[in-house]
Amino acid sequence: PYDEATDLVAVNVETYTAKRSYHIAREYRQRGVPVVLGGYHPTLVP
């Protein structure tokens, strides 16, 4: 529910989910919601 009110979004990212994670992050950021990415993939390719 991208339009549900929230103050911060955190996404757990693995290499196989990176493409989808970046799409999800873009949807929230376009709505002005800050996004933090963590997990294996951001650690290995920050």
ModelCIF file with pLDDT and N, C-alpha, C, O atoms, coordinates in Angstrom:
data_MODEL
#
_entry.id   MODEL 
#
_entity.id                         1 
_entity.type                       polymer 
_entity.pdbx_number_of_molecules   1 
#
_entity_poly.entity_id                      1 
_entity_poly.type                           'polypeptide(L)' 
_entity_poly.nstd_linkage                   no 
_entity_poly.nstd_monomer                   no 
_entity_poly.pdbx_seq_one_letter_code       PYDEATDLVAVNVETYTAKRSYHIAREYRQRGVPVVLGGYHPTLVP 
_entity_poly.pdbx_seq_one_letter_code_can   PYDEATDLVAVNVETYTAKRSYHIAREYRQRGVPVVLGGYHPTLVP 
_entity_poly.pdbx_strand_id                 A 
#
loop_
_entity_poly_seq.entity_id 
_entity_poly_seq.num 
_entity_poly_seq.mon_id 
_entity_poly_seq.hetero 
1 1  PRO n 
1 2  TYR n 
1 3  ASP n 
1 4  GLU n 
1 5  ALA n 
1 6  THR n 
1 7  ASP n 
1 8  LEU n 
1 9  VAL n 
1 10 ALA n 
1 11 VAL n 
1 12 ASN n 
1 13 VAL n 
1 14 GLU n 
1 15 THR n 
1 16 TYR n 
1 17 THR n 
1 18 ALA n 
1 19 LYS n 
1 20 ARG n 
1 21 SER n 
1 22 TYR n 
1 23 HIS n 
1 24 ILE n 
1 25 ALA n 
1 26 ARG n 
1 27 GLU n 
1 28 TYR n 
1 29 ARG n 
1 30 GLN n 
1 31 ARG n 
1 32 GLY n 
1 33 VAL n 
1 34 PRO n 
1 35 VAL n 
1 36 VAL n 
1 37 LEU n 
1 38 GLY n 
1 39 GLY n 
1 40 TYR n 
1 41 HIS n 
1 42 PRO n 
1 43 THR n 
1 44 LEU n 
1 45 VAL n 
1 46 PRO n 
#
_struct_asym.id          A 
_struct_asym.entity_id   1 
#
loop_
_ma_qa_metric.id 
_ma_qa_metric.mode 
_ma_qa_metric.name 
_ma_qa_metric.software_group_id 
_ma_qa_metric.type 
1 global pLDDT . pLDDT 
2 local  pLDDT . pLDDT 
#
_ma_qa_metric_global.metric_id      1 
_ma_qa_metric_global.metric_value   96.96 
_ma_qa_metric_global.model_id       1 
_ma_qa_metric_global.ordinal_id     1 
#
loop_
_ma_qa_metric_local.label_asym_id 
_ma_qa_metric_local.label_comp_id 
_ma_qa_metric_local.label_seq_id 
_ma_qa_metric_local.metric_id 
_ma_qa_metric_local.metric_value 
_ma_qa_metric_local.model_id 
_ma_qa_metric_local.ordinal_id 
A PRO 1  2 97.00 1 1  
A TYR 2  2 98.00 1 2  
A ASP 3  2 97.00 1 3  
A GLU 4  2 98.00 1 4  
A ALA 5  2 97.00 1 5  
A THR 6  2 98.00 1 6  
A ASP 7  2 98.00 1 7  
A LEU 8  2 98.00 1 8  
A VAL 9  2 98.00 1 9  
A ALA 10 2 98.00 1 10 
A VAL 11 2 98.00 1 11 
A ASN 12 2 97.00 1 12 
A VAL 13 2 97.00 1 13 
A GLU 14 2 96.00 1 14 
A THR 15 2 96.00 1 15 
A TYR 16 2 97.00 1 16 
A THR 17 2 97.00 1 17 
A ALA 18 2 98.00 1 18 
A LYS 19 2 98.00 1 19 
A ARG 20 2 98.00 1 20 
A SER 21 2 98.00 1 21 
A TYR 22 2 98.00 1 22 
A HIS 23 2 98.00 1 23 
A ILE 24 2 98.00 1 24 
A ALA 25 2 98.00 1 25 
A ARG 26 2 98.00 1 26 
A GLU 27 2 98.00 1 27 
A TYR 28 2 98.00 1 28 
A ARG 29 2 98.00 1 29 
A GLN 30 2 98.00 1 30 
A ARG 31 2 98.00 1 31 
A GLY 32 2 97.00 1 32 
A VAL 33 2 98.00 1 33 
A PRO 34 2 98.00 1 34 
A VAL 35 2 98.00 1 35 
A VAL 36 2 98.00 1 36 
A LEU 37 2 98.00 1 37 
A GLY 38 2 96.00 1 38 
A GLY 39 2 94.00 1 39 
A TYR 40 2 91.00 1 40 
A HIS 41 2 95.00 1 41 
A PRO 42 2 95.00 1 42 
A THR 43 2 93.00 1 43 
A LEU 44 2 92.00 1 44 
A VAL 45 2 95.00 1 45 
A PRO 46 2 95.00 1 46 
#
loop_
_atom_site.group_PDB 
_atom_site.id 
_atom_site.type_symbol 
_atom_site.label_atom_id 
_atom_site.label_alt_id 
_atom_site.label_comp_id 
_atom_site.label_asym_id 
_atom_site.label_entity_id 
_atom_site.label_seq_id 
_atom_site.pdbx_PDB_ins_code 
_atom_site.Cartn_x 
_atom_site.Cartn_y 
_atom_site.Cartn_z 
_atom_site.occupancy 
_atom_site.B_iso_or_equiv 
_atom_site.pdbx_formal_charge 
_atom_site.auth_seq_id 
_atom_site.auth_comp_id 
_atom_site.auth_asym_id 
_atom_site.auth_atom_id 
_atom_site.pdbx_PDB_model_num 
ATOM 1   N N  . PRO A 1 1  ? 0.835  -1.217  0.000  1.00 97.00 ? 1  PRO A N  1 
ATOM 2   C CA . PRO A 1 1  ? 0.000  0.000   0.000  1.00 97.00 ? 1  PRO A CA 1 
ATOM 3   C C  . PRO A 1 1  ? 0.868  1.264   0.000  1.00 97.00 ? 1  PRO A C  1 
ATOM 4   O O  . PRO A 1 1  ? 1.080  1.881   1.044  1.00 97.00 ? 1  PRO A O  1 
ATOM 5   N N  . TYR A 1 2  ? 1.358  1.633   -1.164 1.00 98.00 ? 2  TYR A N  1 
ATOM 6   C CA . TYR A 1 2  ? 2.300  2.740   -1.255 1.00 98.00 ? 2  TYR A CA 1 
ATOM 7   C C  . TYR A 1 2  ? 1.730  4.055   -0.709 1.00 98.00 ? 2  TYR A C  1 
ATOM 8   O O  . TYR A 1 2  ? 2.475  4.907   -0.224 1.00 98.00 ? 2  TYR A O  1 
ATOM 9   N N  . ASP A 1 3  ? 0.413  4.211   -0.791 1.00 97.00 ? 3  ASP A N  1 
ATOM 10  C CA . ASP A 1 3  ? -0.188 5.481   -0.375 1.00 97.00 ? 3  ASP A CA 1 
ATOM 11  C C  . ASP A 1 3  ? -0.564 5.521   1.101  1.00 97.00 ? 3  ASP A C  1 
ATOM 12  O O  . ASP A 1 3  ? -1.054 6.542   1.584  1.00 97.00 ? 3  ASP A O  1 
ATOM 13  N N  . GLU A 1 4  ? -0.346 4.442   1.814  1.00 98.00 ? 4  GLU A N  1 
ATOM 14  C CA . GLU A 1 4  ? -0.603 4.443   3.254  1.00 98.00 ? 4  GLU A CA 1 
ATOM 15  C C  . GLU A 1 4  ? 0.420  5.330   3.956  1.00 98.00 ? 4  GLU A C  1 
ATOM 16  O O  . GLU A 1 4  ? 1.613  5.275   3.656  1.00 98.00 ? 4  GLU A O  1 
ATOM 17  N N  . ALA A 1 5  ? -0.053 6.140   4.886  1.00 97.00 ? 5  ALA A N  1 
ATOM 18  C CA . ALA A 1 5  ? 0.828  7.083   5.577  1.00 97.00 ? 5  ALA A CA 1 
ATOM 19  C C  . ALA A 1 5  ? 1.889  6.346   6.390  1.00 97.00 ? 5  ALA A C  1 
ATOM 20  O O  . ALA A 1 5  ? 1.576  5.413   7.129  1.00 97.00 ? 5  ALA A O  1 
ATOM 21  N N  . THR A 1 6  ? 3.141  6.769   6.252  1.00 98.00 ? 6  THR A N  1 
ATOM 22  C CA . THR A 1 6  ? 4.251  6.213   7.026  1.00 98.00 ? 6  THR A CA 1 
ATOM 23  C C  . THR A 1 6  ? 5.381  7.235   7.050  1.00 98.00 ? 6  THR A C  1 
ATOM 24  O O  . THR A 1 6  ? 5.459  8.104   6.182  1.00 98.00 ? 6  THR A O  1 
ATOM 25  N N  . ASP A 1 7  ? 6.252  7.128   8.041  1.00 98.00 ? 7  ASP A N  1 
ATOM 26  C CA . ASP A 1 7  ? 7.336  8.095   8.193  1.00 98.00 ? 7  ASP A CA 1 
ATOM 27  C C  . ASP A 1 7  ? 8.682  7.577   7.699  1.00 98.00 ? 7  ASP A C  1 
ATOM 28  O O  . ASP A 1 7  ? 9.590  8.360   7.418  1.00 98.00 ? 7  ASP A O  1 
ATOM 29  N N  . LEU A 1 8  ? 8.807  6.267   7.596  1.00 98.00 ? 8  LEU A N  1 
ATOM 30  C CA . LEU A 1 8  ? 10.057 5.671   7.137  1.00 98.00 ? 8  LEU A CA 1 
ATOM 31  C C  . LEU A 1 8  ? 9.763  4.281   6.599  1.00 98.00 ? 8  LEU A C  1 
ATOM 32  O O  . LEU A 1 8  ? 8.931  3.556   7.146  1.00 98.00 ? 8  LEU A O  1 
ATOM 33  N N  . VAL A 1 9  ? 10.455 3.911   5.518  1.00 98.00 ? 9  VAL A N  1 
ATOM 34  C CA . VAL A 1 9  ? 10.325 2.575   4.946  1.00 98.00 ? 9  VAL A CA 1 
ATOM 35  C C  . VAL A 1 9  ? 11.694 1.902   4.985  1.00 98.00 ? 9  VAL A C  1 
ATOM 36  O O  . VAL A 1 9  ? 12.701 2.506   4.615  1.00 98.00 ? 9  VAL A O  1 
ATOM 37  N N  . ALA A 1 10 ? 11.725 0.651   5.436  1.00 98.00 ? 10 ALA A N  1 
ATOM 38  C CA . ALA A 1 10 ? 12.962 -0.130  5.463  1.00 98.00 ? 10 ALA A CA 1 
ATOM 39  C C  . ALA A 1 10 ? 12.756 -1.388  4.627  1.00 98.00 ? 10 ALA A C  1 
ATOM 40  O O  . ALA A 1 10 ? 11.788 -2.123  4.824  1.00 98.00 ? 10 ALA A O  1 
ATOM 41  N N  . VAL A 1 11 ? 13.674 -1.632  3.691  1.00 98.00 ? 11 VAL A N  1 
ATOM 42  C CA . VAL A 1 11 ? 13.564 -2.764  2.775  1.00 98.00 ? 11 VAL A CA 1 
ATOM 43  C C  . VAL A 1 11 ? 14.767 -3.681  2.966  1.00 98.00 ? 11 VAL A C  1 
ATOM 44  O O  . VAL A 1 11 ? 15.912 -3.227  2.958  1.00 98.00 ? 11 VAL A O  1 
ATOM 45  N N  . ASN A 1 12 ? 14.499 -4.980  3.138  1.00 97.00 ? 12 ASN A N  1 
ATOM 46  C CA . ASN A 1 12 ? 15.555 -5.976  3.261  1.00 97.00 ? 12 ASN A CA 1 
ATOM 47  C C  . ASN A 1 12 ? 15.928 -6.449  1.860  1.00 97.00 ? 12 ASN A C  1 
ATOM 48  O O  . ASN A 1 12 ? 15.095 -7.042  1.173  1.00 97.00 ? 12 ASN A O  1 
ATOM 49  N N  . VAL A 1 13 ? 17.175 -6.197  1.416  1.00 97.00 ? 13 VAL A N  1 
ATOM 50  C CA . VAL A 1 13 ? 17.553 -6.400  0.024  1.00 97.00 ? 13 VAL A CA 1 
ATOM 51  C C  . VAL A 1 13 ? 18.568 -7.536  -0.108 1.00 97.00 ? 13 VAL A C  1 
ATOM 52  O O  . VAL A 1 13 ? 19.622 -7.517  0.528  1.00 97.00 ? 13 VAL A O  1 
ATOM 53  N N  . GLU A 1 14 ? 18.239 -8.519  -0.938 1.00 96.00 ? 14 GLU A N  1 
ATOM 54  C CA . GLU A 1 14 ? 19.187 -9.534  -1.364 1.00 96.00 ? 14 GLU A CA 1 
ATOM 55  C C  . GLU A 1 14 ? 19.484 -9.304  -2.842 1.00 96.00 ? 14 GLU A C  1 
ATOM 56  O O  . GLU A 1 14 ? 18.778 -8.548  -3.508 1.00 96.00 ? 14 GLU A O  1 
ATOM 57  N N  . THR A 1 15 ? 20.524 -9.951  -3.353 1.00 96.00 ? 15 THR A N  1 
ATOM 58  C CA . THR A 1 15 ? 20.921 -9.689  -4.737 1.00 96.00 ? 15 THR A CA 1 
ATOM 59  C C  . THR A 1 15 ? 19.796 -10.009 -5.715 1.00 96.00 ? 15 THR A C  1 
ATOM 60  O O  . THR A 1 15 ? 19.550 -9.240  -6.645 1.00 96.00 ? 15 THR A O  1 
ATOM 61  N N  . TYR A 1 16 ? 19.113 -11.128 -5.518 1.00 97.00 ? 16 TYR A N  1 
ATOM 62  C CA . TYR A 1 16 ? 18.033 -11.502 -6.427 1.00 97.00 ? 16 TYR A CA 1 
ATOM 63  C C  . TYR A 1 16 ? 16.811 -10.593 -6.290 1.00 97.00 ? 16 TYR A C  1 
ATOM 64  O O  . TYR A 1 16 ? 15.988 -10.539 -7.204 1.00 97.00 ? 16 TYR A O  1 
ATOM 65  N N  . THR A 1 17 ? 16.675 -9.880  -5.176 1.00 97.00 ? 17 THR A N  1 
ATOM 66  C CA . THR A 1 17 ? 15.536 -8.974  -5.007 1.00 97.00 ? 17 THR A CA 1 
ATOM 67  C C  . THR A 1 17 ? 15.916 -7.519  -5.213 1.00 97.00 ? 17 THR A C  1 
ATOM 68  O O  . THR A 1 17 ? 15.088 -6.634  -4.998 1.00 97.00 ? 17 THR A O  1 
ATOM 69  N N  . ALA A 1 18 ? 17.156 -7.246  -5.626 1.00 98.00 ? 18 ALA A N  1 
ATOM 70  C CA . ALA A 1 18 ? 17.622 -5.861  -5.737 1.00 98.00 ? 18 ALA A CA 1 
ATOM 71  C C  . ALA A 1 18 ? 16.776 -5.046  -6.718 1.00 98.00 ? 18 ALA A C  1 
ATOM 72  O O  . ALA A 1 18 ? 16.391 -3.917  -6.416 1.00 98.00 ? 18 ALA A O  1 
ATOM 73  N N  . LYS A 1 19 ? 16.489 -5.615  -7.886 1.00 98.00 ? 19 LYS A N  1 
ATOM 74  C CA . LYS A 1 19 ? 15.721 -4.862  -8.887 1.00 98.00 ? 19 LYS A CA 1 
ATOM 75  C C  . LYS A 1 19 ? 14.348 -4.480  -8.336 1.00 98.00 ? 19 LYS A C  1 
ATOM 76  O O  . LYS A 1 19 ? 13.918 -3.334  -8.469 1.00 98.00 ? 19 LYS A O  1 
ATOM 77  N N  . ARG A 1 20 ? 13.670 -5.431  -7.725 1.00 98.00 ? 20 ARG A N  1 
ATOM 78  C CA . ARG A 1 20 ? 12.356 -5.152  -7.149 1.00 98.00 ? 20 ARG A CA 1 
ATOM 79  C C  . ARG A 1 20 ? 12.468 -4.175  -5.979 1.00 98.00 ? 20 ARG A C  1 
ATOM 80  O O  . ARG A 1 20 ? 11.617 -3.298  -5.825 1.00 98.00 ? 20 ARG A O  1 
ATOM 81  N N  . SER A 1 21 ? 13.495 -4.313  -5.162 1.00 98.00 ? 21 SER A N  1 
ATOM 82  C CA . SER A 1 21 ? 13.693 -3.416  -4.022 1.00 98.00 ? 21 SER A CA 1 
ATOM 83  C C  . SER A 1 21 ? 13.856 -1.976  -4.483 1.00 98.00 ? 21 SER A C  1 
ATOM 84  O O  . SER A 1 21 ? 13.296 -1.062  -3.878 1.00 98.00 ? 21 SER A O  1 
ATOM 85  N N  . TYR A 1 22 ? 14.612 -1.770  -5.542 1.00 98.00 ? 22 TYR A N  1 
ATOM 86  C CA . TYR A 1 22 ? 14.832 -0.411  -6.036 1.00 98.00 ? 22 TYR A CA 1 
ATOM 87  C C  . TYR A 1 22 ? 13.543 0.183   -6.592 1.00 98.00 ? 22 TYR A C  1 
ATOM 88  O O  . TYR A 1 22 ? 13.311 1.386   -6.472 1.00 98.00 ? 22 TYR A O  1 
ATOM 89  N N  . HIS A 1 23 ? 12.706 -0.652  -7.199 1.00 98.00 ? 23 HIS A N  1 
ATOM 90  C CA . HIS A 1 23 ? 11.405 -0.178  -7.678 1.00 98.00 ? 23 HIS A CA 1 
ATOM 91  C C  . HIS A 1 23 ? 10.532 0.251   -6.497 1.00 98.00 ? 23 HIS A C  1 
ATOM 92  O O  . HIS A 1 23 ? 9.904  1.309   -6.532 1.00 98.00 ? 23 HIS A O  1 
ATOM 93  N N  . ILE A 1 24 ? 10.499 -0.576  -5.456 1.00 98.00 ? 24 ILE A N  1 
ATOM 94  C CA . ILE A 1 24 ? 9.709  -0.244  -4.266 1.00 98.00 ? 24 ILE A CA 1 
ATOM 95  C C  . ILE A 1 24 ? 10.210 1.054   -3.642 1.00 98.00 ? 24 ILE A C  1 
ATOM 96  O O  . ILE A 1 24 ? 9.416  1.919   -3.272 1.00 98.00 ? 24 ILE A O  1 
ATOM 97  N N  . ALA A 1 25 ? 11.527 1.187   -3.525 1.00 98.00 ? 25 ALA A N  1 
ATOM 98  C CA . ALA A 1 25 ? 12.103 2.412   -2.954 1.00 98.00 ? 25 ALA A CA 1 
ATOM 99  C C  . ALA A 1 25 ? 11.707 3.631   -3.777 1.00 98.00 ? 25 ALA A C  1 
ATOM 100 O O  . ALA A 1 25 ? 11.377 4.679   -3.221 1.00 98.00 ? 25 ALA A O  1 
ATOM 101 N N  . ARG A 1 26 ? 11.740 3.496   -5.092 1.00 98.00 ? 26 ARG A N  1 
ATOM 102 C CA . ARG A 1 26 ? 11.388 4.628   -5.965 1.00 98.00 ? 26 ARG A CA 1 
ATOM 103 C C  . ARG A 1 26 ? 9.928  5.051   -5.756 1.00 98.00 ? 26 ARG A C  1 
ATOM 104 O O  . ARG A 1 26 ? 9.624  6.243   -5.724 1.00 98.00 ? 26 ARG A O  1 
ATOM 105 N N  . GLU A 1 27 ? 9.037  4.077   -5.617 1.00 98.00 ? 27 GLU A N  1 
ATOM 106 C CA . GLU A 1 27 ? 7.619  4.403   -5.415 1.00 98.00 ? 27 GLU A CA 1 
ATOM 107 C C  . GLU A 1 27 ? 7.415  5.209   -4.140 1.00 98.00 ? 27 GLU A C  1 
ATOM 108 O O  . GLU A 1 27 ? 6.665  6.186   -4.137 1.00 98.00 ? 27 GLU A O  1 
ATOM 109 N N  . TYR A 1 28 ? 8.068  4.814   -3.068 1.00 98.00 ? 28 TYR A N  1 
ATOM 110 C CA . TYR A 1 28 ? 7.914  5.549   -1.801 1.00 98.00 ? 28 TYR A CA 1 
ATOM 111 C C  . TYR A 1 28 ? 8.589  6.916   -1.861 1.00 98.00 ? 28 TYR A C  1 
ATOM 112 O O  . TYR A 1 28 ? 8.029  7.905   -1.388 1.00 98.00 ? 28 TYR A O  1 
ATOM 113 N N  . ARG A 1 29 ? 9.772  6.977   -2.432 1.00 98.00 ? 29 ARG A N  1 
ATOM 114 C CA . ARG A 1 29 ? 10.496 8.245   -2.473 1.00 98.00 ? 29 ARG A CA 1 
ATOM 115 C C  . ARG A 1 29 ? 9.769  9.262   -3.342 1.00 98.00 ? 29 ARG A C  1 
ATOM 116 O O  . ARG A 1 29 ? 9.821  10.460  -3.063 1.00 98.00 ? 29 ARG A O  1 
ATOM 117 N N  . GLN A 1 30 ? 9.094  8.803   -4.389 1.00 98.00 ? 30 GLN A N  1 
ATOM 118 C CA . GLN A 1 30 ? 8.288  9.711   -5.203 1.00 98.00 ? 30 GLN A CA 1 
ATOM 119 C C  . GLN A 1 30 ? 7.129  10.310  -4.412 1.00 98.00 ? 30 GLN A C  1 
ATOM 120 O O  . GLN A 1 30 ? 6.610  11.368  -4.768 1.00 98.00 ? 30 GLN A O  1 
ATOM 121 N N  . ARG A 1 31 ? 6.732  9.640   -3.353 1.00 98.00 ? 31 ARG A N  1 
ATOM 122 C CA . ARG A 1 31 ? 5.668  10.122  -2.482 1.00 98.00 ? 31 ARG A CA 1 
ATOM 123 C C  . ARG A 1 31 ? 6.215  10.896  -1.297 1.00 98.00 ? 31 ARG A C  1 
ATOM 124 O O  . ARG A 1 31 ? 5.462  11.280  -0.402 1.00 98.00 ? 31 ARG A O  1 
ATOM 125 N N  . GLY A 1 32 ? 7.529  11.129  -1.284 1.00 97.00 ? 32 GLY A N  1 
ATOM 126 C CA . GLY A 1 32 ? 8.143  11.923  -0.231 1.00 97.00 ? 32 GLY A CA 1 
ATOM 127 C C  . GLY A 1 32 ? 8.469  11.166  1.034  1.00 97.00 ? 32 GLY A C  1 
ATOM 128 O O  . GLY A 1 32 ? 8.748  11.776  2.066  1.00 97.00 ? 32 GLY A O  1 
ATOM 129 N N  . VAL A 1 33 ? 8.438  9.834   0.974  1.00 98.00 ? 33 VAL A N  1 
ATOM 130 C CA . VAL A 1 33 ? 8.743  9.009   2.150  1.00 98.00 ? 33 VAL A CA 1 
ATOM 131 C C  . VAL A 1 33 ? 10.190 8.558   2.082  1.00 98.00 ? 33 VAL A C  1 
ATOM 132 O O  . VAL A 1 33 ? 10.596 7.977   1.076  1.00 98.00 ? 33 VAL A O  1 
ATOM 133 N N  . PRO A 1 34 ? 10.985 8.804   3.119  1.00 98.00 ? 34 PRO A N  1 
ATOM 134 C CA . PRO A 1 34 ? 12.392 8.362   3.105  1.00 98.00 ? 34 PRO A CA 1 
ATOM 135 C C  . PRO A 1 34 ? 12.494 6.841   3.189  1.00 98.00 ? 34 PRO A C  1 
ATOM 136 O O  . PRO A 1 34 ? 11.674 6.183   3.830  1.00 98.00 ? 34 PRO A O  1 
ATOM 137 N N  . VAL A 1 35 ? 13.517 6.297   2.528  1.00 98.00 ? 35 VAL A N  1 
ATOM 138 C CA . VAL A 1 35 ? 13.707 4.853   2.449  1.00 98.00 ? 35 VAL A CA 1 
ATOM 139 C C  . VAL A 1 35 ? 15.121 4.495   2.879  1.00 98.00 ? 35 VAL A C  1 
ATOM 140 O O  . VAL A 1 35 ? 16.089 5.134   2.467  1.00 98.00 ? 35 VAL A O  1 
ATOM 141 N N  . VAL A 1 36 ? 15.231 3.456   3.721  1.00 98.00 ? 36 VAL A N  1 
ATOM 142 C CA . VAL A 1 36 ? 16.531 2.909   4.082  1.00 98.00 ? 36 VAL A CA 1 
ATOM 143 C C  . VAL A 1 36 ? 16.595 1.475   3.562  1.00 98.00 ? 36 VAL A C  1 
ATOM 144 O O  . VAL A 1 36 ? 15.660 0.696   3.749  1.00 98.00 ? 36 VAL A O  1 
ATOM 145 N N  . LEU A 1 37 ? 17.702 1.135   2.909  1.00 98.00 ? 37 LEU A N  1 
ATOM 146 C CA . LEU A 1 37 ? 17.921 -0.208  2.387  1.00 98.00 ? 37 LEU A CA 1 
ATOM 147 C C  . LEU A 1 37 ? 18.999 -0.901  3.202  1.00 98.00 ? 37 LEU A C  1 
ATOM 148 O O  . LEU A 1 37 ? 20.037 -0.307  3.492  1.00 98.00 ? 37 LEU A O  1 
ATOM 149 N N  . GLY A 1 38 ? 18.760 -2.154  3.574  1.00 96.00 ? 38 GLY A N  1 
ATOM 150 C CA . GLY A 1 38 ? 19.742 -2.922  4.321  1.00 96.00 ? 38 GLY A CA 1 
ATOM 151 C C  . GLY A 1 38 ? 19.724 -4.371  3.895  1.00 96.00 ? 38 GLY A C  1 
ATOM 152 O O  . GLY A 1 38 ? 18.891 -4.778  3.085  1.00 96.00 ? 38 GLY A O  1 
ATOM 153 N N  . GLY A 1 39 ? 20.644 -5.154  4.440  1.00 94.00 ? 39 GLY A N  1 
ATOM 154 C CA . GLY A 1 39 ? 20.724 -6.562  4.090  1.00 94.00 ? 39 GLY A CA 1 
ATOM 155 C C  . GLY A 1 39 ? 22.013 -6.887  3.365  1.00 94.00 ? 39 GLY A C  1 
ATOM 156 O O  . GLY A 1 39 ? 22.939 -6.077  3.318  1.00 94.00 ? 39 GLY A O  1 
ATOM 157 N N  . TYR A 1 40 ? 22.060 -8.096  2.794  1.00 91.00 ? 40 TYR A N  1 
ATOM 158 C CA . TYR A 1 40 ? 23.276 -8.570  2.139  1.00 91.00 ? 40 TYR A CA 1 
ATOM 159 C C  . TYR A 1 40 ? 23.701 -7.666  0.990  1.00 91.00 ? 40 TYR A C  1 
ATOM 160 O O  . TYR A 1 40 ? 24.861 -7.262  0.912  1.00 91.00 ? 40 TYR A O  1 
ATOM 161 N N  . HIS A 1 41 ? 22.776 -7.350  0.108  1.00 95.00 ? 41 HIS A N  1 
ATOM 162 C CA . HIS A 1 41 ? 23.163 -6.652  -1.125 1.00 95.00 ? 41 HIS A CA 1 
ATOM 163 C C  . HIS A 1 41 ? 23.685 -5.237  -0.863 1.00 95.00 ? 41 HIS A C  1 
ATOM 164 O O  . HIS A 1 41 ? 24.749 -4.896  -1.379 1.00 95.00 ? 41 HIS A O  1 
ATOM 165 N N  . PRO A 1 42 ? 22.995 -4.400  -0.090 1.00 95.00 ? 42 PRO A N  1 
ATOM 166 C CA . PRO A 1 42 ? 23.553 -3.069  0.188  1.00 95.00 ? 42 PRO A CA 1 
ATOM 167 C C  . PRO A 1 42 ? 24.895 -3.118  0.904  1.00 95.00 ? 42 PRO A C  1 
ATOM 168 O O  . PRO A 1 42 ? 25.722 -2.221  0.739  1.00 95.00 ? 42 PRO A O  1 
ATOM 169 N N  . THR A 1 43 ? 25.116 -4.166  1.701  1.00 93.00 ? 43 THR A N  1 
ATOM 170 C CA . THR A 1 43 ? 26.404 -4.291  2.386  1.00 93.00 ? 43 THR A CA 1 
ATOM 171 C C  . THR A 1 43 ? 27.513 -4.603  1.393  1.00 93.00 ? 43 THR A C  1 
ATOM 172 O O  . THR A 1 43 ? 28.626 -4.095  1.527  1.00 93.00 ? 43 THR A O  1 
ATOM 173 N N  . LEU A 1 44 ? 27.218 -5.434  0.397  1.00 92.00 ? 44 LEU A N  1 
ATOM 174 C CA . LEU A 1 44 ? 28.241 -5.860  -0.556 1.00 92.00 ? 44 LEU A CA 1 
ATOM 175 C C  . LEU A 1 44 ? 28.428 -4.875  -1.702 1.00 92.00 ? 44 LEU A C  1 
ATOM 176 O O  . LEU A 1 44 ? 29.515 -4.803  -2.275 1.00 92.00 ? 44 LEU A O  1 
ATOM 177 N N  . VAL A 1 45 ? 27.397 -4.117  -2.048 1.00 95.00 ? 45 VAL A N  1 
ATOM 178 C CA . VAL A 1 45 ? 27.521 -3.090  -3.106 1.00 95.00 ? 45 VAL A CA 1 
ATOM 179 C C  . VAL A 1 45 ? 26.873 -1.787  -2.613 1.00 95.00 ? 45 VAL A C  1 
ATOM 180 O O  . VAL A 1 45 ? 25.842 -1.373  -3.143 1.00 95.00 ? 45 VAL A O  1 
ATOM 181 N N  . PRO A 1 46 ? 27.463 -1.146  -1.613 1.00 95.00 ? 46 PRO A N  1 
ATOM 182 C CA . PRO A 1 46 ? 26.840 0.033   -0.996 1.00 95.00 ? 46 PRO A CA 1 
ATOM 183 C C  . PRO A 1 46 ? 26.669 1.211   -1.944 1.00 95.00 ? 46 PRO A C  1 
ATOM 184 O O  . PRO A 1 46 ? 26.158 2.257   -1.543 1.00 95.00 ? 46 PRO A O  1 
#
